[in-house]
Amino acid sequence: MQDDATAEDGQAAAELQPEEGAELDRPDDTTVTSGWYALEISGVLTDLWDERLEGWRLEKLPGENTRVTGYVRDQSELYGAIAALRNMGLTLLRVELINNPDEEGAKV
């Protein structure tokens, strides 16, 4: 026999499920494309962070922020990079898809 809380949880979960055959209005996994991403971080990161952010480039911005730039293959890799920054106690200010920073005249 279920207690009231368990029954309410089950009812709430059922209400969140779409009706059978209903189309979901959400973006698919292609909304995050592979490419170069710039993640703006609050604070100035020193070269000591290079080790922890292997494969990413650090650029000090005017003021007290840092841009971390790297190539991302898919959505899970981007989310992994964001989670790694969070786990290091860093505050993410912005995520931006950019041109290849190695190309001449590329905007970062």
N, C-alpha and C. Protein backbone atom coordinates (compact mmCIF):
# COMPACT_ATOMS: atom_id res chain seq x y z
N MET A 1 0.83 -1.18 0.00
CA MET A 1 0.00 0.00 0.00
C MET A 1 0.88 1.24 0.00
N GLN A 2 0.61 2.19 -0.89
CA GLN A 2 1.40 3.41 -1.01
C GLN A 2 0.94 4.43 0.02
N ASP A 3 1.91 5.18 0.55
CA ASP A 3 1.51 6.28 1.41
C ASP A 3 1.11 7.46 0.54
N ASP A 4 0.53 8.50 1.12
CA ASP A 4 0.02 9.63 0.36
C ASP A 4 1.12 10.34 -0.43
N ALA A 5 2.32 10.51 0.17
CA ALA A 5 3.41 11.22 -0.50
C ALA A 5 3.85 10.48 -1.75
N THR A 6 3.97 9.14 -1.67
CA THR A 6 4.38 8.36 -2.83
C THR A 6 3.33 8.42 -3.93
N ALA A 7 2.06 8.37 -3.56
CA ALA A 7 0.98 8.45 -4.53
C ALA A 7 0.98 9.81 -5.23
N GLU A 8 1.20 10.88 -4.44
CA GLU A 8 1.25 12.23 -5.02
C GLU A 8 2.44 12.37 -5.96
N ASP A 9 3.60 11.80 -5.61
CA ASP A 9 4.77 11.86 -6.47
C ASP A 9 4.49 11.15 -7.79
N GLY A 10 3.86 10.00 -7.73
CA GLY A 10 3.53 9.26 -8.94
C GLY A 10 2.56 10.02 -9.81
N GLN A 11 1.57 10.68 -9.20
CA GLN A 11 0.61 11.47 -9.95
C GLN A 11 1.29 12.66 -10.60
N ALA A 12 2.18 13.33 -9.86
CA ALA A 12 2.89 14.49 -10.41
C ALA A 12 3.77 14.07 -11.59
N ALA A 13 4.45 12.92 -11.47
CA ALA A 13 5.29 12.44 -12.55
C ALA A 13 4.46 12.10 -13.79
N ALA A 14 3.30 11.51 -13.57
CA ALA A 14 2.42 11.17 -14.68
C ALA A 14 1.94 12.42 -15.40
N GLU A 15 1.70 13.51 -14.65
CA GLU A 15 1.24 14.75 -15.26
C GLU A 15 2.32 15.38 -16.13
N LEU A 16 3.60 15.09 -15.86
CA LEU A 16 4.70 15.65 -16.63
C LEU A 16 4.95 14.90 -17.93
N GLN A 17 4.42 13.70 -18.05
CA GLN A 17 4.61 12.90 -19.25
C GLN A 17 3.71 13.40 -20.37
N PRO A 18 4.25 13.49 -21.61
CA PRO A 18 3.40 13.91 -22.73
C PRO A 18 2.39 12.82 -23.07
N GLU A 19 1.28 13.24 -23.64
CA GLU A 19 0.29 12.26 -24.08
C GLU A 19 0.90 11.40 -25.17
N GLU A 20 0.43 10.18 -25.27
CA GLU A 20 0.95 9.28 -26.28
C GLU A 20 0.73 9.87 -27.66
N GLY A 21 1.79 9.90 -28.48
CA GLY A 21 1.71 10.43 -29.83
C GLY A 21 1.89 11.94 -29.91
N ALA A 22 1.99 12.62 -28.74
CA ALA A 22 2.17 14.07 -28.75
C ALA A 22 3.60 14.41 -29.15
N GLU A 23 3.75 15.50 -29.91
CA GLU A 23 5.09 15.96 -30.28
C GLU A 23 5.61 16.87 -29.19
N LEU A 24 6.88 16.71 -28.86
CA LEU A 24 7.50 17.54 -27.84
C LEU A 24 8.06 18.80 -28.49
N ASP A 25 7.82 19.93 -27.88
CA ASP A 25 8.32 21.20 -28.38
C ASP A 25 9.62 21.52 -27.65
N ARG A 26 10.71 20.94 -28.12
CA ARG A 26 12.01 21.19 -27.53
C ARG A 26 13.07 21.07 -28.62
N PRO A 27 14.18 21.78 -28.43
CA PRO A 27 15.25 21.69 -29.43
C PRO A 27 15.88 20.30 -29.39
N ASP A 28 16.38 19.86 -30.54
CA ASP A 28 17.07 18.58 -30.56
C ASP A 28 18.54 18.78 -30.23
N ASP A 29 19.30 17.71 -30.18
CA ASP A 29 20.71 17.78 -29.79
C ASP A 29 21.58 18.53 -30.79
N THR A 30 21.04 18.88 -31.94
CA THR A 30 21.84 19.59 -32.93
C THR A 30 21.94 21.08 -32.63
N THR A 31 21.28 21.55 -31.55
CA THR A 31 21.35 22.97 -31.23
C THR A 31 22.74 23.36 -30.77
N VAL A 32 23.53 22.42 -30.27
CA VAL A 32 24.92 22.68 -29.93
C VAL A 32 25.77 22.02 -31.00
N THR A 33 26.39 22.86 -31.83
CA THR A 33 27.18 22.33 -32.93
C THR A 33 28.64 22.26 -32.54
N SER A 34 29.37 21.43 -33.27
CA SER A 34 30.80 21.39 -33.02
C SER A 34 31.40 22.70 -33.50
N GLY A 35 32.47 23.10 -32.87
CA GLY A 35 33.13 24.34 -33.25
C GLY A 35 33.89 24.92 -32.07
N TRP A 36 34.39 26.11 -32.28
CA TRP A 36 35.15 26.81 -31.25
C TRP A 36 34.20 27.58 -30.36
N TYR A 37 34.39 27.43 -29.05
CA TYR A 37 33.56 28.12 -28.08
C TYR A 37 34.43 28.98 -27.18
N ALA A 38 33.91 30.15 -26.83
CA ALA A 38 34.56 31.02 -25.86
C ALA A 38 33.67 31.07 -24.62
N LEU A 39 34.25 30.73 -23.49
CA LEU A 39 33.53 30.76 -22.22
C LEU A 39 34.14 31.89 -21.40
N GLU A 40 33.33 32.88 -21.06
CA GLU A 40 33.84 33.99 -20.26
C GLU A 40 33.63 33.67 -18.78
N ILE A 41 34.72 33.82 -18.03
CA ILE A 41 34.74 33.45 -16.61
C ILE A 41 34.97 34.70 -15.78
N SER A 42 34.30 34.79 -14.65
CA SER A 42 34.53 35.89 -13.73
C SER A 42 35.86 35.65 -13.00
N GLY A 43 36.70 36.66 -12.99
CA GLY A 43 38.00 36.56 -12.32
C GLY A 43 39.13 36.35 -13.31
N VAL A 44 40.33 36.56 -12.82
CA VAL A 44 41.52 36.39 -13.63
C VAL A 44 42.14 35.04 -13.31
N LEU A 45 42.27 34.19 -14.31
CA LEU A 45 42.88 32.88 -14.12
C LEU A 45 44.36 32.96 -14.47
N THR A 46 45.19 32.43 -13.62
CA THR A 46 46.62 32.43 -13.87
C THR A 46 47.02 31.21 -14.69
N ASP A 47 48.29 31.15 -15.05
CA ASP A 47 48.80 30.01 -15.82
C ASP A 47 48.63 28.69 -15.08
N LEU A 48 48.47 28.73 -13.77
CA LEU A 48 48.26 27.50 -13.01
C LEU A 48 46.99 26.78 -13.44
N TRP A 49 46.04 27.53 -13.99
CA TRP A 49 44.79 26.92 -14.45
C TRP A 49 44.96 26.20 -15.77
N ASP A 50 46.05 26.49 -16.51
CA ASP A 50 46.29 25.83 -17.79
C ASP A 50 46.27 24.32 -17.67
N GLU A 51 46.88 23.81 -16.60
CA GLU A 51 46.91 22.36 -16.38
C GLU A 51 45.51 21.79 -16.22
N ARG A 52 44.69 22.47 -15.46
CA ARG A 52 43.34 21.99 -15.18
C ARG A 52 42.42 22.14 -16.38
N LEU A 53 42.76 23.07 -17.25
CA LEU A 53 41.95 23.31 -18.45
C LEU A 53 42.72 22.88 -19.69
N GLU A 54 43.27 21.70 -19.63
CA GLU A 54 44.10 21.19 -20.72
C GLU A 54 43.34 21.23 -22.05
N GLY A 55 44.00 21.79 -23.06
CA GLY A 55 43.39 21.88 -24.39
C GLY A 55 42.62 23.16 -24.60
N TRP A 56 42.45 23.97 -23.58
CA TRP A 56 41.74 25.24 -23.68
C TRP A 56 42.75 26.38 -23.54
N ARG A 57 42.48 27.49 -24.20
CA ARG A 57 43.35 28.66 -24.13
C ARG A 57 42.77 29.68 -23.16
N LEU A 58 43.65 30.32 -22.41
CA LEU A 58 43.23 31.36 -21.47
C LEU A 58 43.62 32.72 -22.02
N GLU A 59 42.71 33.67 -21.92
CA GLU A 59 42.99 35.03 -22.36
C GLU A 59 42.41 35.99 -21.32
N LYS A 60 43.28 36.82 -20.73
CA LYS A 60 42.81 37.82 -19.77
C LYS A 60 42.09 38.91 -20.53
N LEU A 61 40.89 39.25 -20.05
CA LEU A 61 40.10 40.31 -20.66
C LEU A 61 40.27 41.60 -19.85
N PRO A 62 39.94 42.73 -20.44
CA PRO A 62 39.99 43.98 -19.66
C PRO A 62 39.08 43.83 -18.43
N GLY A 63 39.53 44.39 -17.34
CA GLY A 63 38.77 44.22 -16.10
C GLY A 63 39.25 42.98 -15.38
N GLU A 64 38.35 42.28 -14.79
CA GLU A 64 38.71 41.11 -13.97
C GLU A 64 38.10 39.82 -14.49
N ASN A 65 38.08 39.62 -15.79
CA ASN A 65 37.50 38.41 -16.37
C ASN A 65 38.51 37.70 -17.26
N THR A 66 38.22 36.43 -17.54
CA THR A 66 39.08 35.61 -18.39
C THR A 66 38.22 34.92 -19.43
N ARG A 67 38.73 34.83 -20.66
CA ARG A 67 38.07 34.06 -21.72
C ARG A 67 38.82 32.75 -21.87
N VAL A 68 38.07 31.66 -21.83
CA VAL A 68 38.61 30.32 -22.03
C VAL A 68 38.07 29.85 -23.38
N THR A 69 38.98 29.53 -24.32
CA THR A 69 38.58 29.18 -25.68
C THR A 69 39.04 27.76 -26.01
N GLY A 70 38.14 26.98 -26.63
CA GLY A 70 38.51 25.63 -27.02
C GLY A 70 37.55 25.07 -28.04
N TYR A 71 37.97 23.98 -28.66
CA TYR A 71 37.15 23.31 -29.67
C TYR A 71 36.27 22.27 -28.97
N VAL A 72 34.99 22.27 -29.32
CA VAL A 72 34.01 21.36 -28.73
C VAL A 72 33.40 20.52 -29.85
N ARG A 73 33.37 19.20 -29.65
CA ARG A 73 32.84 18.29 -30.68
C ARG A 73 31.33 18.15 -30.65
N ASP A 74 30.73 18.22 -29.44
CA ASP A 74 29.29 18.01 -29.35
C ASP A 74 28.75 18.60 -28.06
N GLN A 75 27.45 18.47 -27.87
CA GLN A 75 26.78 19.06 -26.71
C GLN A 75 27.32 18.50 -25.40
N SER A 76 27.56 17.22 -25.33
CA SER A 76 28.04 16.64 -24.07
C SER A 76 29.43 17.16 -23.70
N GLU A 77 30.27 17.39 -24.70
CA GLU A 77 31.59 17.93 -24.40
C GLU A 77 31.50 19.38 -23.90
N LEU A 78 30.61 20.17 -24.49
CA LEU A 78 30.40 21.54 -24.02
C LEU A 78 29.90 21.54 -22.59
N TYR A 79 28.90 20.72 -22.31
CA TYR A 79 28.36 20.65 -20.95
C TYR A 79 29.42 20.14 -19.96
N GLY A 80 30.27 19.23 -20.42
CA GLY A 80 31.35 18.75 -19.56
C GLY A 80 32.33 19.84 -19.21
N ALA A 81 32.65 20.70 -20.19
CA ALA A 81 33.56 21.82 -19.94
C ALA A 81 32.93 22.80 -18.95
N ILE A 82 31.64 23.07 -19.13
CA ILE A 82 30.94 23.99 -18.23
C ILE A 82 30.89 23.40 -16.82
N ALA A 83 30.64 22.10 -16.71
CA ALA A 83 30.60 21.45 -15.40
C ALA A 83 31.97 21.48 -14.73
N ALA A 84 33.02 21.29 -15.53
CA ALA A 84 34.38 21.33 -14.97
C ALA A 84 34.68 22.70 -14.39
N LEU A 85 34.29 23.76 -15.09
CA LEU A 85 34.49 25.12 -14.58
C LEU A 85 33.71 25.32 -13.29
N ARG A 86 32.48 24.84 -13.27
CA ARG A 86 31.66 24.95 -12.05
C ARG A 86 32.30 24.19 -10.90
N ASN A 87 32.81 23.01 -11.17
CA ASN A 87 33.43 22.19 -10.13
C ASN A 87 34.71 22.82 -9.58
N MET A 88 35.32 23.71 -10.36
CA MET A 88 36.51 24.43 -9.90
C MET A 88 36.14 25.69 -9.13
N GLY A 89 34.84 25.93 -8.98
CA GLY A 89 34.38 27.09 -8.23
C GLY A 89 34.39 28.37 -9.02
N LEU A 90 34.43 28.26 -10.35
CA LEU A 90 34.47 29.44 -11.21
C LEU A 90 33.06 29.85 -11.62
N THR A 91 32.87 31.14 -11.85
CA THR A 91 31.56 31.66 -12.24
C THR A 91 31.56 31.91 -13.75
N LEU A 92 30.66 31.23 -14.44
CA LEU A 92 30.51 31.36 -15.89
C LEU A 92 29.64 32.57 -16.19
N LEU A 93 30.14 33.46 -17.03
CA LEU A 93 29.39 34.66 -17.40
C LEU A 93 28.74 34.56 -18.77
N ARG A 94 29.42 33.88 -19.71
CA ARG A 94 28.91 33.83 -21.08
C ARG A 94 29.50 32.63 -21.82
N VAL A 95 28.70 32.07 -22.73
CA VAL A 95 29.15 31.02 -23.65
C VAL A 95 28.84 31.51 -25.05
N GLU A 96 29.84 31.42 -25.93
CA GLU A 96 29.66 31.95 -27.28
C GLU A 96 30.34 31.05 -28.30
N LEU A 97 29.63 30.71 -29.39
CA LEU A 97 30.21 30.00 -30.52
C LEU A 97 30.96 31.03 -31.35
N ILE A 98 32.23 30.78 -31.64
CA ILE A 98 33.07 31.77 -32.32
C ILE A 98 33.72 31.17 -33.56
N ASN A 99 34.35 32.02 -34.36
CA ASN A 99 35.17 31.57 -35.48
C ASN A 99 36.43 30.91 -34.94
N ASN A 100 37.09 30.12 -35.77
CA ASN A 100 38.34 29.50 -35.39
C ASN A 100 39.34 30.60 -35.03
N PRO A 101 39.84 30.64 -33.79
CA PRO A 101 40.75 31.71 -33.41
C PRO A 101 42.10 31.63 -34.10
N ASP A 102 42.43 30.50 -34.76
CA ASP A 102 43.68 30.37 -35.48
C ASP A 102 43.65 30.99 -36.87
N GLU A 103 42.44 31.23 -37.39
CA GLU A 103 42.32 31.83 -38.71
C GLU A 103 42.61 33.31 -38.63
N GLU A 104 43.30 33.82 -39.62
CA GLU A 104 43.64 35.24 -39.63
C GLU A 104 42.36 36.07 -39.67
N GLY A 105 42.30 37.06 -38.78
CA GLY A 105 41.13 37.95 -38.74
C GLY A 105 39.93 37.36 -38.04
N ALA A 106 40.09 36.22 -37.39
CA ALA A 106 38.95 35.60 -36.70
C ALA A 106 38.55 36.46 -35.51
N LYS A 107 37.23 36.58 -35.30
CA LYS A 107 36.73 37.30 -34.14
C LYS A 107 36.66 36.36 -32.96
N VAL A 108 37.11 36.82 -31.83
CA VAL A 108 36.97 36.03 -30.59
C VAL A 108 36.23 36.88 -29.60
